[in-house]
Each structure stands twice: as C-alpha cells, then as structure tokens.
C-alpha cells in the first residue's frame, strides 16, 4: 500500500496513473506524452532565486504557523554516507551537513531529512523504487545522485531512468534537485571523453531540459583539480569523498534554499501554514 497524504483523491489518481504510464514508457522507450508534467519548451536550469521560493517562505515561519519541510536524498553510497568500504558515516555526509546548514539559517524551521539511498545502486534500480521509497514519503524536495554508479550502463539507460524520476516527482508536485557526481580518483575529471564527465554533462542537460535545480558537485571537483590540487585529501577511498569532500557539495545544495530568502517579501513570512503548492 502506498501512502498518499495531503492530496486530493483526483490528484492521487492522476499521480498513480501517470506513474504507471511513465514506468511503461521508460521500460518500453516510448514518449511520455501528457504525463510529462512540464511544458515541452523548458530550456534552462531553474532560477535559484525563485525555484524554492515558496518552500523557503515556509522555512522562515515560526511556530505555530510553521510546518515540517521534508527533503529526500535519493541515490547510491555517497548520499547514504559510505566512506571506506563498509564504514557508514551519515553525519559527515552532505545530506546531514546540508541539514545543519539549513537549520542554522532558518532556526525556527522544522526540517526532516530522509535518505533513501542504497550503496552500489544505479539510477535504473533507483527509478524502479522511486514511487514506493521516495514519493510515498510525501517530500517537498527530492535530491537525486546516481552518476558514479551509472557509468557501466552507458548514457541512454540512465537518461531514461533519471527522466522517469524527474517527471514522476514533478507530476506529484515535488521540487527536484539533480546532483552531478562527486569525484572518482580513477576518472579524468577534466577530460570530456571520460565517462564520469559525460554523465555529469547529461545530468546538467536533464536539469536544463526539465527546468529543475542543479547542484553541480562535479564542477566543484573539476575546479579543485584544475587548480592543481590532488583529490586524496578530500577522498576517503577511490570513489567516496571524506567529510571535506562532502563539505564541498553542501553549498551547491543549500544555495537553492538561501537565494530565495534574498528576494522574498516580508509578507511571505506570515503566509498560510498549509503545504505550499509546487
């Protein structure tokens, strides 16, 4: 049974129907048609000052007008908190560090961070469980990070899987943040032909195509290497960042929650406490 709270019966039915259509279309390679949930002419990454503006207005509220804002981090071992093989340190990983930064910025907010990552998983498997493991949590925002484990699949299968998750989230009224990959010491980060670079470019293109948020972790690591720095000090093992590496990712996520506060009118802080529309 799938939990679908705080939504009308009609919206729930449409969401379930479109989820089924999207899954069939993804596996069959068909067009996703009317359930795309976005205009076909979207051509650009979302605006950081407006994309999460309504959610940020909720974060600024005080009790008793505030409500819980739920952010789900969906992906593989990195957002799950794996450091060295077998060692899990969630409180040193970017979901938790982002939570700390958001709570510091919005001290009257109630923020719930949920991790749905599975170590070793790729986006194809992540898409298969997206409805029951992510959307069932009724999130306000979902962040997706899979590219490190997508390389062995090529580009086409992950593209379909990522787009399936994006479109299901948008149909459910959930805001989306796509993350490009963190570093792998075996990859040539500034080589356009390296598979990890190609997957990073594909994630950037998907964010632009679908008008959603982009947390460009890969760009941070690319610039780090371009400055002549070695990856070793920010990695716990070949393909897992350490706390310093995770800290490099955090500003790419939190800017989407910080930028809207610069332009929100004061009246936004006293708006209705009901769940915002997406």
C-alpha atoms as a PDB file:
ATOM      1  CA  UNK A   1       0.000   0.000   0.000  1.00  0.00           C
ATOM      2  CA  UNK A   2       1.295   3.456  -0.919  1.00  0.00           C
ATOM      3  CA  UNK A   3       0.723   6.334   1.494  1.00  0.00           C
ATOM      4  CA  UNK A   4      -0.579   9.418  -0.288  1.00  0.00           C
ATOM      5  CA  UNK A   5      -1.388  12.054   2.337  1.00  0.00           C
ATOM      6  CA  UNK A   6      -2.365  15.693   1.956  1.00  0.00           C
ATOM      7  CA  UNK A   7      -3.580  15.466  -1.630  1.00  0.00           C
ATOM      8  CA  UNK A   8      -6.973  15.245  -3.257  1.00  0.00           C
ATOM      9  CA  UNK A   9      -8.339  11.928  -4.495  1.00  0.00           C
ATOM     10  CA  UNK A  10      -8.263  13.219  -8.059  1.00  0.00           C
ATOM     11  CA  UNK A  11      -4.647  14.265  -7.791  1.00  0.00           C
ATOM     12  CA  UNK A  12      -3.758  10.908  -6.240  1.00  0.00           C
ATOM     13  CA  UNK A  13      -5.450   9.003  -9.043  1.00  0.00           C
ATOM     14  CA  UNK A  14      -3.698  11.086 -11.671  1.00  0.00           C
ATOM     15  CA  UNK A  15      -0.377  10.615  -9.918  1.00  0.00           C
ATOM     16  CA  UNK A  16      -0.781   6.828  -9.797  1.00  0.00           C
ATOM     17  CA  UNK A  17      -1.934   6.659 -13.415  1.00  0.00           C
ATOM     18  CA  UNK A  18       0.906   8.840 -14.627  1.00  0.00           C
ATOM     19  CA  UNK A  19       3.385   6.892 -12.546  1.00  0.00           C
ATOM     20  CA  UNK A  20       2.236   3.732 -14.311  1.00  0.00           C
ATOM     21  CA  UNK A  21       2.409   5.399 -17.720  1.00  0.00           C
ATOM     22  CA  UNK A  22       5.869   6.764 -17.010  1.00  0.00           C
ATOM     23  CA  UNK A  23       7.116   3.347 -15.915  1.00  0.00           C
ATOM     24  CA  UNK A  24       5.721   1.677 -19.028  1.00  0.00           C
ATOM     25  CA  UNK A  25       7.126   4.417 -21.247  1.00  0.00           C
ATOM     26  CA  UNK A  26      10.528   4.205 -19.588  1.00  0.00           C
ATOM     27  CA  UNK A  27      10.832   0.422 -19.940  1.00  0.00           C
ATOM     28  CA  UNK A  28       9.444   0.487 -23.454  1.00  0.00           C
ATOM     29  CA  UNK A  29      11.317   3.557 -24.654  1.00  0.00           C
ATOM     30  CA  UNK A  30       8.098   5.341 -25.614  1.00  0.00           C
ATOM     31  CA  UNK A  31       7.243   9.022 -25.362  1.00  0.00           C
ATOM     32  CA  UNK A  32       5.824  10.052 -22.001  1.00  0.00           C
ATOM     33  CA  UNK A  33       3.233  12.368 -23.516  1.00  0.00           C
ATOM     34  CA  UNK A  34       0.655  14.065 -21.332  1.00  0.00           C
ATOM     35  CA  UNK A  35       2.276  12.937 -18.076  1.00  0.00           C
ATOM     36  CA  UNK A  36       5.446  14.903 -18.615  1.00  0.00           C
ATOM     37  CA  UNK A  37       4.205  17.462 -16.124  1.00  0.00           C
ATOM     38  CA  UNK A  38       6.243  20.215 -17.772  1.00  0.00           C
ATOM     39  CA  UNK A  39       5.987  22.362 -20.877  1.00  0.00           C
ATOM     40  CA  UNK A  40       7.922  20.919 -23.811  1.00  0.00           C
ATOM     41  CA  UNK A  41       9.733  24.222 -24.310  1.00  0.00           C
ATOM     42  CA  UNK A  42      11.530  24.277 -20.928  1.00  0.00           C
ATOM     43  CA  UNK A  43      15.128  25.105 -21.813  1.00  0.00           C
ATOM     44  CA  UNK A  44      17.125  26.068 -18.787  1.00  0.00           C
ATOM     45  CA  UNK A  45      18.057  25.182 -15.254  1.00  0.00           C
ATOM     46  CA  UNK A  46      15.654  26.627 -12.681  1.00  0.00           C
ATOM     47  CA  UNK A  47      16.271  30.075 -11.210  1.00  0.00           C
ATOM     48  CA  UNK A  48      17.875  29.760  -7.731  1.00  0.00           C
ATOM     49  CA  UNK A  49      16.031  32.854  -6.509  1.00  0.00           C
ATOM     50  CA  UNK A  50      12.562  31.601  -7.389  1.00  0.00           C
ATOM     51  CA  UNK A  51      12.534  27.793  -7.723  1.00  0.00           C
ATOM     52  CA  UNK A  52      12.212  27.022  -3.987  1.00  0.00           C
ATOM     53  CA  UNK A  53      10.781  30.391  -3.018  1.00  0.00           C
ATOM     54  CA  UNK A  54       7.522  29.043  -1.597  1.00  0.00           C
ATOM     55  CA  UNK A  55       9.348  26.381   0.399  1.00  0.00           C
ATOM     56  CA  UNK A  56      11.771  28.952   1.771  1.00  0.00           C
ATOM     57  CA  UNK A  57       8.843  31.111   2.852  1.00  0.00           C
ATOM     58  CA  UNK A  58       7.693  28.112   4.892  1.00  0.00           C
ATOM     59  CA  UNK A  59      11.157  27.681   6.392  1.00  0.00           C
ATOM     60  CA  UNK A  60      11.070  31.277   7.593  1.00  0.00           C
ATOM     61  CA  UNK A  61       7.899  30.839   9.616  1.00  0.00           C
ATOM     62  CA  UNK A  62       7.727  30.413  13.376  1.00  0.00           C
ATOM     63  CA  UNK A  63       5.547  28.166  15.475  1.00  0.00           C
ATOM     64  CA  UNK A  64       2.589  27.768  15.333  1.00  0.00           C
ATOM     65  CA  UNK A  65       2.477  28.715  11.647  1.00  0.00           C
ATOM     66  CA  UNK A  66       5.420  26.596  10.544  1.00  0.00           C
ATOM     67  CA  UNK A  67       5.210  23.038   9.314  1.00  0.00           C
ATOM     68  CA  UNK A  68       7.646  20.214   8.602  1.00  0.00           C
ATOM     69  CA  UNK A  69       9.577  20.529   5.352  1.00  0.00           C
ATOM     70  CA  UNK A  70      10.693  17.128   4.074  1.00  0.00           C
ATOM     71  CA  UNK A  71      13.756  16.675   1.865  1.00  0.00           C
ATOM     72  CA  UNK A  72      14.593  13.230   0.470  1.00  0.00           C
ATOM     73  CA  UNK A  73      18.103  12.363  -0.715  1.00  0.00           C
ATOM     74  CA  UNK A  74      17.866   9.508  -3.227  1.00  0.00           C
ATOM     75  CA  UNK A  75      20.904   7.791  -4.657  1.00  0.00           C
ATOM     76  CA  UNK A  76      23.810   5.454  -4.066  1.00  0.00           C
ATOM     77  CA  UNK A  77      26.519   5.082  -1.412  1.00  0.00           C
ATOM     78  CA  UNK A  78      27.678   8.718  -1.325  1.00  0.00           C
ATOM     79  CA  UNK A  79      24.446  10.354  -0.048  1.00  0.00           C
ATOM     80  CA  UNK A  80      23.909   7.275   2.114  1.00  0.00           C
ATOM     81  CA  UNK A  81      27.135   8.123   3.946  1.00  0.00           C
ATOM     82  CA  UNK A  82      29.573   5.388   2.945  1.00  0.00           C
ATOM     83  CA  UNK A  83      33.209   6.339   3.422  1.00  0.00           C
ATOM     84  CA  UNK A  84      35.654   3.460   3.304  1.00  0.00           C
ATOM     85  CA  UNK A  85      34.026   0.209   2.231  1.00  0.00           C
ATOM     86  CA  UNK A  86      31.693  -0.932   4.973  1.00  0.00           C
ATOM     87  CA  UNK A  87      32.079   2.210   7.087  1.00  0.00           C
ATOM     88  CA  UNK A  88      28.987   4.430   7.105  1.00  0.00           C
ATOM     89  CA  UNK A  89      29.281   7.963   8.480  1.00  0.00           C
ATOM     90  CA  UNK A  90      25.964   9.691   7.711  1.00  0.00           C
ATOM     91  CA  UNK A  91      26.696  12.641   9.988  1.00  0.00           C
ATOM     92  CA  UNK A  92      29.752  13.505   7.882  1.00  0.00           C
ATOM     93  CA  UNK A  93      27.910  13.294   4.553  1.00  0.00           C
ATOM     94  CA  UNK A  94      26.284  16.062   2.541  1.00  0.00           C
ATOM     95  CA  UNK A  95      22.626  15.313   3.428  1.00  0.00           C
ATOM     96  CA  UNK A  96      23.302  15.793   7.135  1.00  0.00           C
ATOM     97  CA  UNK A  97      25.719  18.688   6.609  1.00  0.00           C
ATOM     98  CA  UNK A  98      23.100  20.395   4.429  1.00  0.00           C
ATOM     99  CA  UNK A  99      20.533  19.848   7.183  1.00  0.00           C
ATOM    100  CA  UNK A 100      22.831  21.520   9.712  1.00  0.00           C
ATOM    101  CA  UNK A 101      23.398  24.491   7.390  1.00  0.00           C
ATOM    102  CA  UNK A 102      19.675  24.906   6.676  1.00  0.00           C
ATOM    103  CA  UNK A 103      18.742  24.697  10.323  1.00  0.00           C
ATOM    104  CA  UNK A 104      21.348  27.317  11.169  1.00  0.00           C
ATOM    105  CA  UNK A 105      19.980  29.663   8.511  1.00  0.00           C
ATOM    106  CA  UNK A 106      16.328  29.016   9.447  1.00  0.00           C
ATOM    107  CA  UNK A 107      16.374  28.384  13.213  1.00  0.00           C
ATOM    108  CA  UNK A 108      12.563  28.373  13.612  1.00  0.00           C
ATOM    109  CA  UNK A 109      12.041  25.772  10.887  1.00  0.00           C
ATOM    110  CA  UNK A 110      11.208  22.085  11.222  1.00  0.00           C
ATOM    111  CA  UNK A 111      13.195  20.142   8.618  1.00  0.00           C
ATOM    112  CA  UNK A 112      13.074  16.399   8.086  1.00  0.00           C
ATOM    113  CA  UNK A 113      15.892  14.810   6.081  1.00  0.00           C
ATOM    114  CA  UNK A 114      15.245  11.316   4.716  1.00  0.00           C
ATOM    115  CA  UNK A 115      17.847   9.167   2.972  1.00  0.00           C
ATOM    116  CA  UNK A 116      16.604   6.542   0.562  1.00  0.00           C
ATOM    117  CA  UNK A 117      19.998   5.679  -0.897  1.00  0.00           C
ATOM    118  CA  UNK A 118      21.352   2.159  -1.334  1.00  0.00           C
ATOM    119  CA  UNK A 119      25.074   1.515  -1.632  1.00  0.00           C
ATOM    120  CA  UNK A 120      26.067   0.207  -5.069  1.00  0.00           C
ATOM    121  CA  UNK A 121      22.737   1.103  -6.682  1.00  0.00           C
ATOM    122  CA  UNK A 122      22.377   2.746 -10.090  1.00  0.00           C
ATOM    123  CA  UNK A 123      19.638   5.027 -11.394  1.00  0.00           C
ATOM    124  CA  UNK A 124      17.765   2.239 -13.190  1.00  0.00           C
ATOM    125  CA  UNK A 125      17.156   0.446  -9.907  1.00  0.00           C
ATOM    126  CA  UNK A 126      16.542   3.746  -8.139  1.00  0.00           C
ATOM    127  CA  UNK A 127      13.837   4.633 -10.634  1.00  0.00           C
ATOM    128  CA  UNK A 128      12.127   1.284 -10.138  1.00  0.00           C
ATOM    129  CA  UNK A 129      11.540   2.025  -6.445  1.00  0.00           C
ATOM    130  CA  UNK A 130      11.016   5.789  -6.739  1.00  0.00           C
ATOM    131  CA  UNK A 131       7.264   5.723  -6.150  1.00  0.00           C
ATOM    132  CA  UNK A 132       7.261   3.490  -3.073  1.00  0.00           C
ATOM    133  CA  UNK A 133      10.509   4.682  -1.454  1.00  0.00           C
ATOM    134  CA  UNK A 134      10.565   8.392  -2.321  1.00  0.00           C
ATOM    135  CA  UNK A 135       7.166   9.764  -3.289  1.00  0.00           C
ATOM    136  CA  UNK A 136       5.480   7.757  -0.548  1.00  0.00           C
ATOM    137  CA  UNK A 137       7.382   9.928   1.941  1.00  0.00           C
ATOM    138  CA  UNK A 138       5.421  12.948   0.653  1.00  0.00           C
ATOM    139  CA  UNK A 139       8.552  15.087   0.207  1.00  0.00           C
ATOM    140  CA  UNK A 140       8.712  18.765  -0.583  1.00  0.00           C
ATOM    141  CA  UNK A 141      12.076  18.341  -2.321  1.00  0.00           C
ATOM    142  CA  UNK A 142      13.959  15.345  -3.680  1.00  0.00           C
ATOM    143  CA  UNK A 143      17.677  15.371  -4.485  1.00  0.00           C
ATOM    144  CA  UNK A 144      18.967  12.688  -6.876  1.00  0.00           C
ATOM    145  CA  UNK A 145      22.586  11.460  -7.083  1.00  0.00           C
ATOM    146  CA  UNK A 146      23.428   8.343  -9.136  1.00  0.00           C
ATOM    147  CA  UNK A 147      26.055   9.115 -11.772  1.00  0.00           C
ATOM    148  CA  UNK A 148      29.022   7.403 -10.107  1.00  0.00           C
ATOM    149  CA  UNK A 149      27.267   4.046 -10.473  1.00  0.00           C
ATOM    150  CA  UNK A 150      25.676   4.747 -13.860  1.00  0.00           C
ATOM    151  CA  UNK A 151      28.876   4.622 -15.876  1.00  0.00           C
ATOM    152  CA  UNK A 152      28.753   0.899 -16.633  1.00  0.00           C
ATOM    153  CA  UNK A 153      25.258   1.340 -18.093  1.00  0.00           C
ATOM    154  CA  UNK A 154      26.272   3.844 -20.757  1.00  0.00           C
ATOM    155  CA  UNK A 155      24.251   7.028 -21.181  1.00  0.00           C
ATOM    156  CA  UNK A 156      20.864   6.039 -22.602  1.00  0.00           C
ATOM    157  CA  UNK A 157      19.536   3.810 -19.820  1.00  0.00           C
ATOM    158  CA  UNK A 158      20.450   6.313 -17.084  1.00  0.00           C
ATOM    159  CA  UNK A 159      18.967   9.163 -19.105  1.00  0.00           C
ATOM    160  CA  UNK A 160      15.612   7.377 -19.236  1.00  0.00           C
ATOM    161  CA  UNK A 161      15.808   6.443 -15.550  1.00  0.00           C
ATOM    162  CA  UNK A 162      16.678   9.970 -14.394  1.00  0.00           C
ATOM    163  CA  UNK A 163      13.969  11.469 -16.575  1.00  0.00           C
ATOM    164  CA  UNK A 164      11.430   8.991 -15.232  1.00  0.00           C
ATOM    165  CA  UNK A 165      12.221  10.090 -11.666  1.00  0.00           C
ATOM    166  CA  UNK A 166      12.166  13.778 -12.581  1.00  0.00           C
ATOM    167  CA  UNK A 167       8.822  13.550 -14.306  1.00  0.00           C
ATOM    168  CA  UNK A 168       7.213  11.458 -11.563  1.00  0.00           C
ATOM    169  CA  UNK A 169       8.393  13.995  -8.970  1.00  0.00           C
ATOM    170  CA  UNK A 170       7.066  16.933 -10.966  1.00  0.00           C
ATOM    171  CA  UNK A 171       3.748  15.205 -11.520  1.00  0.00           C
ATOM    172  CA  UNK A 172       3.496  14.731  -7.738  1.00  0.00           C
ATOM    173  CA  UNK A 173       4.268  18.405  -7.139  1.00  0.00           C
ATOM    174  CA  UNK A 174       7.730  17.734  -5.694  1.00  0.00           C
ATOM    175  CA  UNK A 175      10.666  20.040  -6.369  1.00  0.00           C
ATOM    176  CA  UNK A 176      13.778  18.363  -7.788  1.00  0.00           C
ATOM    177  CA  UNK A 177      17.497  18.952  -7.286  1.00  0.00           C
ATOM    178  CA  UNK A 178      19.769  16.956  -9.595  1.00  0.00           C
ATOM    179  CA  UNK A 179      23.331  16.352  -8.423  1.00  0.00           C
ATOM    180  CA  UNK A 180      26.218  15.805 -10.779  1.00  0.00           C
ATOM    181  CA  UNK A 181      28.671  13.224  -9.411  1.00  0.00           C
ATOM    182  CA  UNK A 182      31.314  13.687  -6.788  1.00  0.00           C
ATOM    183  CA  UNK A 183      34.854  12.744  -7.775  1.00  0.00           C
ATOM    184  CA  UNK A 184      36.400   9.364  -8.516  1.00  0.00           C
ATOM    185  CA  UNK A 185      40.183   9.246  -8.288  1.00  0.00           C
ATOM    186  CA  UNK A 186      40.303   6.896 -11.282  1.00  0.00           C
ATOM    187  CA  UNK A 187      38.465   9.370 -13.522  1.00  0.00           C
ATOM    188  CA  UNK A 188      39.991  12.181 -15.555  1.00  0.00           C
ATOM    189  CA  UNK A 189      37.681  14.898 -14.357  1.00  0.00           C
ATOM    190  CA  UNK A 190      38.529  17.481 -16.996  1.00  0.00           C
ATOM    191  CA  UNK A 191      38.574  15.047 -19.929  1.00  0.00           C
ATOM    192  CA  UNK A 192      35.361  15.420 -21.986  1.00  0.00           C
ATOM    193  CA  UNK A 193      35.683  11.791 -23.098  1.00  0.00           C
ATOM    194  CA  UNK A 194      35.802  10.372 -19.568  1.00  0.00           C
ATOM    195  CA  UNK A 195      32.551   8.504 -18.778  1.00  0.00           C
ATOM    196  CA  UNK A 196      32.092  10.346 -15.487  1.00  0.00           C
ATOM    197  CA  UNK A 197      32.400  13.704 -17.241  1.00  0.00           C
ATOM    198  CA  UNK A 198      29.886  12.563 -19.834  1.00  0.00           C
ATOM    199  CA  UNK A 199      27.398  11.562 -17.148  1.00  0.00           C
ATOM    200  CA  UNK A 200      27.888  14.909 -15.421  1.00  0.00           C
ATOM    201  CA  UNK A 201      27.091  16.658 -18.701  1.00  0.00           C
ATOM    202  CA  UNK A 202      23.998  14.514 -19.116  1.00  0.00           C
ATOM    203  CA  UNK A 203      22.725  15.470 -15.654  1.00  0.00           C
ATOM    204  CA  UNK A 204      23.300  19.148 -16.469  1.00  0.00           C
ATOM    205  CA  UNK A 205      21.354  18.710 -19.701  1.00  0.00           C
ATOM    206  CA  UNK A 206      18.477  16.977 -17.891  1.00  0.00           C
ATOM    207  CA  UNK A 207      18.248  19.817 -15.373  1.00  0.00           C
ATOM    208  CA  UNK A 208      18.091  22.339 -18.207  1.00  0.00           C
ATOM    209  CA  UNK A 209      15.600  20.324 -20.248  1.00  0.00           C
ATOM    210  CA  UNK A 210      13.231  19.886 -17.307  1.00  0.00           C
ATOM    211  CA  UNK A 211      13.666  23.282 -15.655  1.00  0.00           C
ATOM    212  CA  UNK A 212      14.720  21.862 -12.278  1.00  0.00           C
ATOM    213  CA  UNK A 213      17.513  22.676  -9.838  1.00  0.00           C
ATOM    214  CA  UNK A 214      21.125  21.621 -10.407  1.00  0.00           C
ATOM    215  CA  UNK A 215      23.694  21.034  -7.676  1.00  0.00           C
ATOM    216  CA  UNK A 216      26.853  20.805  -9.753  1.00  0.00           C
ATOM    217  CA  UNK A 217      29.170  18.847  -7.456  1.00  0.00           C
ATOM    218  CA  UNK A 218      31.286  17.728 -10.394  1.00  0.00           C
ATOM    219  CA  UNK A 219      32.088  21.306 -11.341  1.00  0.00           C
ATOM    220  CA  UNK A 220      33.406  21.907  -7.821  1.00  0.00           C
ATOM    221  CA  UNK A 221      35.742  18.917  -8.071  1.00  0.00           C
ATOM    222  CA  UNK A 222      36.739  19.844 -11.634  1.00  0.00           C
ATOM    223  CA  UNK A 223      37.797  23.296 -10.489  1.00  0.00           C
ATOM    224  CA  UNK A 224      39.577  21.795  -7.489  1.00  0.00           C
ATOM    225  CA  UNK A 225      41.687  19.585  -9.778  1.00  0.00           C
ATOM    226  CA  UNK A 226      42.194  22.391 -12.328  1.00  0.00           C
ATOM    227  CA  UNK A 227      43.775  24.438  -9.529  1.00  0.00           C
ATOM    228  CA  UNK A 228      46.489  21.797  -9.294  1.00  0.00           C
ATOM    229  CA  UNK A 229      45.180  20.138  -6.130  1.00  0.00           C
ATOM    230  CA  UNK A 230      45.231  16.404  -5.506  1.00  0.00           C
ATOM    231  CA  UNK A 231      41.984  14.581  -4.786  1.00  0.00           C
ATOM    232  CA  UNK A 232      43.473  12.444  -1.994  1.00  0.00           C
ATOM    233  CA  UNK A 233      42.866  14.941   0.843  1.00  0.00           C
ATOM    234  CA  UNK A 234      39.122  15.141   0.060  1.00  0.00           C
ATOM    235  CA  UNK A 235      38.510  11.426  -0.541  1.00  0.00           C
ATOM    236  CA  UNK A 236      38.060   8.561   1.925  1.00  0.00           C
ATOM    237  CA  UNK A 237      38.661   5.992  -0.820  1.00  0.00           C
ATOM    238  CA  UNK A 238      38.814   5.996  -4.601  1.00  0.00           C
ATOM    239  CA  UNK A 239      35.170   6.841  -5.243  1.00  0.00           C
ATOM    240  CA  UNK A 240      33.895   8.070  -1.857  1.00  0.00           C
ATOM    241  CA  UNK A 241      34.544  11.589  -0.587  1.00  0.00           C
ATOM    242  CA  UNK A 242      35.524  12.169   3.020  1.00  0.00           C
ATOM    243  CA  UNK A 243      33.941  14.882   5.159  1.00  0.00           C
ATOM    244  CA  UNK A 244      35.967  17.588   3.393  1.00  0.00           C
ATOM    245  CA  UNK A 245      34.719  16.287   0.057  1.00  0.00           C
ATOM    246  CA  UNK A 246      31.129  16.243   1.277  1.00  0.00           C
ATOM    247  CA  UNK A 247      31.542  19.792   2.563  1.00  0.00           C
ATOM    248  CA  UNK A 248      32.414  20.846  -0.988  1.00  0.00           C
ATOM    249  CA  UNK A 249      28.981  19.652  -2.141  1.00  0.00           C
ATOM    250  CA  UNK A 250      26.900  21.360   0.548  1.00  0.00           C
ATOM    251  CA  UNK A 251      26.937  24.935  -0.891  1.00  0.00           C
ATOM    252  CA  UNK A 252      25.738  23.559  -4.235  1.00  0.00           C
ATOM    253  CA  UNK A 253      22.603  22.292  -2.454  1.00  0.00           C
ATOM    254  CA  UNK A 254      21.991  24.997   0.127  1.00  0.00           C
ATOM    255  CA  UNK A 255      22.173  27.859  -2.378  1.00  0.00           C
ATOM    256  CA  UNK A 256      18.771  26.734  -3.640  1.00  0.00           C
ATOM    257  CA  UNK A 257      17.389  27.352  -0.150  1.00  0.00           C
ATOM    258  CA  UNK A 258      19.403  30.505   0.584  1.00  0.00           C
ATOM    259  CA  UNK A 259      18.976  32.513  -2.618  1.00  0.00           C
ATOM    260  CA  UNK A 260      15.157  32.890  -2.411  1.00  0.00           C
ATOM    261  CA  UNK A 261      15.462  34.500   1.032  1.00  0.00           C
ATOM    262  CA  UNK A 262      17.196  37.453  -0.605  1.00  0.00           C
ATOM    263  CA  UNK A 263      14.138  38.373  -2.649  1.00  0.00           C
ATOM    264  CA  UNK A 264      11.180  37.184  -0.558  1.00  0.00           C
ATOM    265  CA  UNK A 265       8.905  39.996   0.667  1.00  0.00           C
ATOM    266  CA  UNK A 266       8.375  40.278   4.405  1.00  0.00           C
ATOM    267  CA  UNK A 267       4.721  39.263   3.965  1.00  0.00           C
ATOM    268  CA  UNK A 268       5.845  35.824   2.786  1.00  0.00           C
ATOM    269  CA  UNK A 269       6.884  35.045   6.345  1.00  0.00           C
ATOM    270  CA  UNK A 270       3.330  35.250   7.621  1.00  0.00           C
ATOM    271  CA  UNK A 271       1.584  33.331   4.850  1.00  0.00           C
ATOM    272  CA  UNK A 272      -0.745  30.390   5.409  1.00  0.00           C
ATOM    273  CA  UNK A 273       0.819  27.411   7.206  1.00  0.00           C
ATOM    274  CA  UNK A 274      -0.732  24.905   4.804  1.00  0.00           C
ATOM    275  CA  UNK A 275       1.517  22.942   2.499  1.00  0.00           C
ATOM    276  CA  UNK A 276       2.744  25.034  -0.392  1.00  0.00           C
ATOM    277  CA  UNK A 277       1.845  24.295  -3.962  1.00  0.00           C
ATOM    278  CA  UNK A 278       4.766  23.240  -6.152  1.00  0.00           C
END
